[in-house]
């Protein structure tokens, strides 16, 4: 994990970009704000939506969780579930603030990290994934691995897969895939998060459920590593 600059007194705005909503939280606040995203959302619209939403918030630096591949702190591929135009977009110029960008799954993984080797799987619109080894983030795209000739793991475990398979069969697939990833990557623990995780009645072995607060805390940790793992009551409006 890159060593952050000493900005513990700075006000940090965290932006978590998802396929259904863009969520924002300012350090020192307890309630997040959000607006709808979707396949028509451009980066310009995202920036304007955040600025409108946070008009009464003062912030010094920004963390962004981006739903796609990030290299050297910038989007490297267009997102699958949003409009194009993200690669090459100048977020610092648009916001007028220093910006740090990581993959959204990596940001959520960082927020829930407790040590050792942890695999994060985000069950949402698609399938997010990240591995953290002794504090070092390894962004992954396990969702793009082929499961069959017609489907990859994102098609299987994301929102479309749950709708196509039905909850009972989808749950069995989740357990099977998590077991396969565990056998291949040998993590100390697995954290399952994302909106679809609530559909699981039981979790696979050595797996814990991620908190809704993890992505936002991960954004704060991009600037301040000293922040502790949050309790269940850290934020009060994260459902």
Protein backbone atom coordinates (compact mmCIF):
# COMPACT_ATOMS: atom_id res chain seq x y z
CA UNK A 1 0.00 0.00 0.00
CA UNK A 2 1.42 3.38 -0.96
CA UNK A 3 2.46 5.46 2.04
CA UNK A 4 0.02 8.38 2.34
CA UNK A 5 0.95 11.96 2.84
CA UNK A 6 0.37 13.33 6.32
CA UNK A 7 -3.12 14.77 5.86
CA UNK A 8 -4.82 13.70 9.08
CA UNK A 9 -6.21 17.21 9.55
CA UNK A 10 -7.46 17.44 5.98
CA UNK A 11 -11.14 16.90 5.26
CA UNK A 12 -11.44 13.84 3.02
CA UNK A 13 -14.33 13.32 0.62
CA UNK A 14 -14.82 9.70 -0.37
CA UNK A 15 -16.71 8.85 -3.56
CA UNK A 16 -17.77 5.26 -4.18
CA UNK A 17 -18.97 4.82 -7.77
CA UNK A 18 -21.29 1.87 -8.26
CA UNK A 19 -23.44 0.55 -11.06
CA UNK A 20 -26.62 1.69 -9.30
CA UNK A 21 -25.56 4.62 -7.10
CA UNK A 22 -22.72 7.04 -6.43
CA UNK A 23 -22.15 7.28 -2.67
CA UNK A 24 -20.29 10.08 -0.87
CA UNK A 25 -19.11 10.65 2.67
CA UNK A 26 -17.04 13.43 4.24
CA UNK A 27 -14.63 12.69 7.08
CA UNK A 28 -16.19 13.76 10.35
CA UNK A 29 -19.73 13.14 9.07
CA UNK A 30 -21.85 10.14 10.06
CA UNK A 31 -24.36 10.05 7.22
CA UNK A 32 -23.51 9.36 3.61
CA UNK A 33 -25.21 10.92 0.60
CA UNK A 34 -25.94 9.29 -2.74
CA UNK A 35 -27.52 9.70 -6.15
CA UNK A 36 -28.42 7.25 -8.91
CA UNK A 37 -25.86 6.20 -11.50
CA UNK A 38 -26.53 3.62 -14.24
CA UNK A 39 -25.36 2.91 -17.80
CA UNK A 40 -25.75 6.53 -18.93
CA UNK A 41 -23.51 8.08 -16.26
CA UNK A 42 -20.51 9.98 -17.66
CA UNK A 43 -17.57 11.25 -15.57
CA UNK A 44 -18.73 14.82 -16.11
CA UNK A 45 -22.17 13.93 -14.74
CA UNK A 46 -20.60 12.13 -11.80
CA UNK A 47 -18.47 15.14 -10.90
CA UNK A 48 -21.40 17.55 -11.17
CA UNK A 49 -23.62 15.22 -9.17
CA UNK A 50 -21.04 15.01 -6.38
CA UNK A 51 -20.47 18.78 -6.34
CA UNK A 52 -24.23 19.36 -6.13
CA UNK A 53 -24.61 16.76 -3.40
CA UNK A 54 -21.67 18.06 -1.37
CA UNK A 55 -22.28 21.78 -1.91
CA UNK A 56 -22.36 22.45 1.86
CA UNK A 57 -19.33 20.25 2.64
CA UNK A 58 -15.77 21.62 2.74
CA UNK A 59 -13.17 19.07 1.63
CA UNK A 60 -9.44 19.23 0.91
CA UNK A 61 -8.71 15.90 -0.77
CA UNK A 62 -10.74 13.21 -2.54
CA UNK A 63 -10.70 9.42 -2.74
CA UNK A 64 -12.55 7.71 -5.59
CA UNK A 65 -13.51 4.05 -5.82
CA UNK A 66 -13.76 3.36 -9.55
CA UNK A 67 -15.69 0.34 -10.93
CA UNK A 68 -13.01 -0.80 -13.34
CA UNK A 69 -9.30 -1.33 -13.88
CA UNK A 70 -7.05 1.36 -12.37
CA UNK A 71 -3.35 1.69 -13.20
CA UNK A 72 -1.00 4.28 -11.73
CA UNK A 73 -3.89 6.03 -10.05
CA UNK A 74 -6.08 6.50 -13.13
CA UNK A 75 -8.81 4.50 -14.92
CA UNK A 76 -7.19 2.18 -17.48
CA UNK A 77 -10.37 0.65 -18.94
CA UNK A 78 -13.88 1.96 -19.40
CA UNK A 79 -16.39 0.65 -16.84
CA UNK A 80 -18.75 -2.12 -17.94
CA UNK A 81 -21.87 -0.66 -16.34
CA UNK A 82 -21.48 3.09 -16.96
CA UNK A 83 -21.16 5.37 -20.00
CA UNK A 84 -17.72 5.71 -21.68
CA UNK A 85 -15.33 8.63 -21.25
CA UNK A 86 -13.63 7.75 -17.95
CA UNK A 87 -10.20 6.83 -19.34
CA UNK A 88 -8.12 10.01 -19.65
CA UNK A 89 -10.60 12.16 -17.73
CA UNK A 90 -8.84 14.71 -15.47
CA UNK A 91 -10.57 14.28 -12.11
CA UNK A 92 -8.23 16.64 -10.25
CA UNK A 93 -8.94 19.43 -12.69
CA UNK A 94 -12.68 18.76 -12.57
CA UNK A 95 -12.84 18.81 -8.76
CA UNK A 96 -10.04 21.29 -8.18
CA UNK A 97 -8.64 19.06 -5.42
CA UNK A 98 -5.98 16.33 -5.08
CA UNK A 99 -7.57 12.99 -6.00
CA UNK A 100 -6.57 9.38 -5.33
CA UNK A 101 -8.30 6.71 -7.41
CA UNK A 102 -8.37 2.97 -6.77
CA UNK A 103 -10.58 0.15 -7.97
CA UNK A 104 -13.83 0.18 -5.98
CA UNK A 105 -13.35 -3.40 -4.75
CA UNK A 106 -9.81 -2.55 -3.61
CA UNK A 107 -11.14 0.45 -1.69
CA UNK A 108 -13.78 -1.66 0.04
CA UNK A 109 -11.23 -4.37 0.78
CA UNK A 110 -8.92 -1.80 2.37
CA UNK A 111 -11.73 -0.61 4.62
CA UNK A 112 -12.40 -4.09 5.97
CA UNK A 113 -8.80 -5.27 6.19
CA UNK A 114 -7.62 -6.61 9.56
CA UNK A 115 -4.26 -8.10 8.64
CA UNK A 116 -2.60 -11.05 6.94
CA UNK A 117 -3.76 -12.23 3.53
CA UNK A 118 -7.37 -11.29 2.78
CA UNK A 119 -9.43 -11.93 -0.33
CA UNK A 120 -12.33 -9.57 -0.94
CA UNK A 121 -15.24 -10.47 -3.22
CA UNK A 122 -17.87 -7.83 -3.94
CA UNK A 123 -21.23 -9.21 -5.04
CA UNK A 124 -22.98 -6.29 -6.68
CA UNK A 125 -23.97 -5.31 -10.20
CA UNK A 126 -20.96 -7.41 -11.22
CA UNK A 127 -18.20 -9.11 -9.24
CA UNK A 128 -15.45 -7.04 -7.68
CA UNK A 129 -12.30 -8.58 -6.25
CA UNK A 130 -9.10 -7.61 -4.49
CA UNK A 131 -6.36 -9.28 -2.49
CA UNK A 132 -4.52 -7.58 0.37
CA UNK A 133 -1.29 -9.21 1.52
CA UNK A 134 0.38 -7.76 4.62
CA UNK A 135 -1.09 -4.34 3.86
CA UNK A 136 -0.29 -4.33 0.14
CA UNK A 137 -3.30 -4.05 -2.18
CA UNK A 138 -3.43 -6.29 -5.24
CA UNK A 139 -6.33 -5.24 -7.44
CA UNK A 140 -7.83 -8.16 -9.35
CA UNK A 141 -10.42 -8.82 -12.03
CA UNK A 142 -11.56 -12.33 -11.10
CA UNK A 143 -15.00 -11.52 -12.42
CA UNK A 144 -13.66 -11.52 -15.97
CA UNK A 145 -12.38 -15.10 -15.78
CA UNK A 146 -14.43 -17.37 -18.00
CA UNK A 147 -16.78 -19.74 -16.18
CA UNK A 148 -18.15 -21.22 -19.40
CA UNK A 149 -18.25 -20.40 -23.11
CA UNK A 150 -21.18 -18.04 -22.52
CA UNK A 151 -20.53 -16.61 -19.06
CA UNK A 152 -17.73 -15.25 -16.92
CA UNK A 153 -17.81 -15.16 -13.11
CA UNK A 154 -19.33 -11.68 -13.15
CA UNK A 155 -22.26 -12.97 -15.21
CA UNK A 156 -22.65 -15.84 -12.76
CA UNK A 157 -22.36 -14.11 -9.38
CA UNK A 158 -23.52 -10.56 -10.16
CA UNK A 159 -27.03 -9.20 -10.20
CA UNK A 160 -27.83 -10.69 -13.62
CA UNK A 161 -26.72 -14.13 -12.49
CA UNK A 162 -28.91 -14.03 -9.40
CA UNK A 163 -31.91 -13.03 -11.48
CA UNK A 164 -31.23 -15.69 -14.12
CA UNK A 165 -30.50 -18.57 -11.73
CA UNK A 166 -32.86 -17.78 -8.86
CA UNK A 167 -31.72 -17.23 -5.28
CA UNK A 168 -31.31 -20.88 -4.26
CA UNK A 169 -29.15 -21.93 -7.21
CA UNK A 170 -27.23 -18.63 -7.12
CA UNK A 171 -26.33 -19.21 -3.46
CA UNK A 172 -24.95 -22.65 -4.30
CA UNK A 173 -22.86 -21.13 -7.09
CA UNK A 174 -21.49 -18.47 -4.73
CA UNK A 175 -20.38 -21.14 -2.25
CA UNK A 176 -18.76 -23.20 -4.99
CA UNK A 177 -16.90 -20.26 -6.53
CA UNK A 178 -15.72 -18.92 -3.17
CA UNK A 179 -14.41 -22.38 -2.33
CA UNK A 180 -12.53 -22.51 -5.63
CA UNK A 181 -10.96 -19.09 -5.19
CA UNK A 182 -9.99 -20.00 -1.61
CA UNK A 183 -8.26 -23.19 -2.77
CA UNK A 184 -6.39 -21.32 -5.51
CA UNK A 185 -5.35 -18.15 -3.64
CA UNK A 186 -4.99 -19.53 -0.08
CA UNK A 187 -6.17 -16.44 1.84
CA UNK A 188 -6.25 -16.32 5.62
CA UNK A 189 -9.82 -15.10 5.36
CA UNK A 190 -12.36 -14.06 2.75
CA UNK A 191 -14.61 -11.03 3.04
CA UNK A 192 -17.81 -10.96 0.99
CA UNK A 193 -19.42 -7.57 0.48
CA UNK A 194 -21.64 -5.71 -1.96
CA UNK A 195 -25.39 -5.33 -2.20
CA UNK A 196 -25.98 -8.92 -3.30
CA UNK A 197 -24.22 -10.34 -0.22
CA UNK A 198 -27.37 -9.81 1.80
CA UNK A 199 -29.03 -12.51 -0.31
CA UNK A 200 -26.75 -15.17 1.21
CA UNK A 201 -28.38 -17.08 4.07
CA UNK A 202 -25.08 -18.67 5.10
CA UNK A 203 -21.49 -17.75 4.37
CA UNK A 204 -18.85 -20.15 3.05
CA UNK A 205 -16.20 -21.41 5.50
CA UNK A 206 -13.61 -18.87 6.77
CA UNK A 207 -15.68 -16.07 5.28
CA UNK A 208 -17.08 -12.99 6.97
CA UNK A 209 -19.51 -10.44 5.66
CA UNK A 210 -18.16 -7.01 4.81
CA UNK A 211 -19.75 -3.89 6.25
CA UNK A 212 -21.50 -1.23 4.18
CA UNK A 213 -19.05 1.19 5.77
CA UNK A 214 -15.94 -0.58 4.41
CA UNK A 215 -15.73 1.18 1.05
CA UNK A 216 -16.01 4.60 2.67
CA UNK A 217 -13.50 3.83 5.42
CA UNK A 218 -11.16 2.47 2.74
CA UNK A 219 -11.31 5.84 1.03
CA UNK A 220 -10.31 7.56 4.26
CA UNK A 221 -7.48 5.07 4.72
CA UNK A 222 -6.05 6.02 1.33
CA UNK A 223 -5.03 9.28 3.01
CA UNK A 224 -4.69 8.14 6.63
CA UNK A 225 -3.56 4.57 7.39
CA UNK A 226 -4.00 5.05 11.13
CA UNK A 227 -7.81 4.78 11.03
CA UNK A 228 -9.15 1.69 12.84
CA UNK A 229 -11.63 -0.84 11.48
CA UNK A 230 -15.13 0.59 12.11
CA UNK A 231 -17.70 -0.92 14.41
CA UNK A 232 -21.16 -1.77 13.12
CA UNK A 233 -22.43 1.60 14.42
CA UNK A 234 -19.71 3.80 12.94
CA UNK A 235 -22.09 5.21 10.33
CA UNK A 236 -25.83 5.35 10.76
CA UNK A 237 -27.20 5.61 7.20
CA UNK A 238 -25.36 3.05 5.09
CA UNK A 239 -28.10 0.59 4.15
